[in-house]
């Protein structure tokens, strides 16, 4: 299945990477690569990870601090958000 990153997920990822790169650009690049590569196995095994807290989503702990929230459709995998593991999600 094709994997696409929705705008909200791309924006969240960019914000995370900008924040980390202010302190350590190399760490930011490593996190970016780790998060982008973590979703790849989902293309072959879309239901591998736990059901999400938001109905219709699934959650992949891609790093001890970051969770990729994705949705499985008939045609593709949509990464809908990237959240910090300690972030209240969904927000109340």
Protein backbone atom coordinates (compact mmCIF):
# COMPACT_ATOMS: atom_id res chain seq x y z
CA UNK A 1 0.00 0.00 0.00
CA UNK A 2 1.03 3.56 -0.63
CA UNK A 3 1.93 5.68 2.41
CA UNK A 4 1.10 9.38 2.39
CA UNK A 5 1.74 12.01 5.03
CA UNK A 6 -1.26 14.30 5.58
CA UNK A 7 -0.60 18.01 6.04
CA UNK A 8 -1.10 17.93 9.81
CA UNK A 9 1.45 15.12 10.17
CA UNK A 10 3.97 16.93 7.96
CA UNK A 11 3.50 20.12 9.99
CA UNK A 12 3.88 18.28 13.31
CA UNK A 13 7.00 16.51 12.09
CA UNK A 14 8.52 19.77 10.83
CA UNK A 15 7.84 21.45 14.19
CA UNK A 16 9.49 18.58 16.08
CA UNK A 17 12.54 18.62 13.81
CA UNK A 18 12.91 22.42 14.05
CA UNK A 19 12.76 22.24 17.85
CA UNK A 20 15.38 19.49 18.08
CA UNK A 21 17.65 21.09 15.48
CA UNK A 22 17.93 24.24 17.60
CA UNK A 23 19.93 22.19 20.11
CA UNK A 24 21.37 19.38 17.99
CA UNK A 25 21.04 19.34 14.19
CA UNK A 26 22.52 15.84 13.92
CA UNK A 27 20.01 14.46 16.40
CA UNK A 28 17.22 16.16 14.47
CA UNK A 29 18.33 14.47 11.25
CA UNK A 30 18.53 11.10 13.02
CA UNK A 31 15.01 11.51 14.46
CA UNK A 32 13.66 12.54 11.07
CA UNK A 33 15.13 9.47 9.40
CA UNK A 34 13.92 7.20 12.19
CA UNK A 35 10.35 8.48 12.07
CA UNK A 36 10.18 8.37 8.27
CA UNK A 37 11.55 4.83 8.10
CA UNK A 38 9.43 3.53 11.01
CA UNK A 39 6.23 3.79 8.99
CA UNK A 40 7.53 1.80 6.00
CA UNK A 41 6.64 -1.71 7.31
CA UNK A 42 3.04 -0.54 7.70
CA UNK A 43 2.68 -0.64 3.90
CA UNK A 44 2.87 -4.45 4.06
CA UNK A 45 1.30 -4.93 7.51
CA UNK A 46 -1.19 -2.09 8.08
CA UNK A 47 -2.77 -3.60 11.20
CA UNK A 48 0.52 -4.47 12.91
CA UNK A 49 0.30 -1.67 15.47
CA UNK A 50 -2.21 -0.90 18.21
CA UNK A 51 -5.61 0.68 17.59
CA UNK A 52 -5.47 4.42 18.18
CA UNK A 53 -7.13 6.50 20.84
CA UNK A 54 -9.06 8.23 18.06
CA UNK A 55 -11.52 5.82 16.38
CA UNK A 56 -10.37 4.69 12.96
CA UNK A 57 -6.68 5.29 13.64
CA UNK A 58 -3.71 3.18 14.67
CA UNK A 59 -0.61 4.21 16.62
CA UNK A 60 3.01 3.28 16.04
CA UNK A 61 5.57 4.11 18.73
CA UNK A 62 8.33 5.08 16.31
CA UNK A 63 10.69 6.39 18.99
CA UNK A 64 10.46 6.42 22.80
CA UNK A 65 9.31 10.04 22.55
CA UNK A 66 7.21 10.02 19.37
CA UNK A 67 4.08 8.26 18.14
CA UNK A 68 2.94 8.16 14.52
CA UNK A 69 -0.85 8.20 14.21
CA UNK A 70 -2.10 6.68 10.97
CA UNK A 71 -5.29 5.62 9.25
CA UNK A 72 -5.74 2.63 6.95
CA UNK A 73 -7.97 3.14 3.91
CA UNK A 74 -8.76 0.77 1.07
CA UNK A 75 -6.09 2.34 -1.12
CA UNK A 76 -3.39 3.70 1.19
CA UNK A 77 -1.94 4.40 4.60
CA UNK A 78 -2.39 8.01 5.75
CA UNK A 79 -0.09 9.32 8.47
CA UNK A 80 -2.39 11.84 10.13
CA UNK A 81 -0.29 13.12 13.03
CA UNK A 82 3.01 12.87 14.87
CA UNK A 83 2.69 13.37 18.61
CA UNK A 84 5.05 13.45 21.57
CA UNK A 85 4.53 10.41 23.78
CA UNK A 86 3.69 12.64 26.75
CA UNK A 87 1.32 14.85 24.79
CA UNK A 88 -2.35 14.71 25.73
CA UNK A 89 -3.95 13.12 22.71
CA UNK A 90 -6.57 13.61 21.61
CA UNK A 91 -6.75 17.01 23.21
CA UNK A 92 -9.81 17.48 25.38
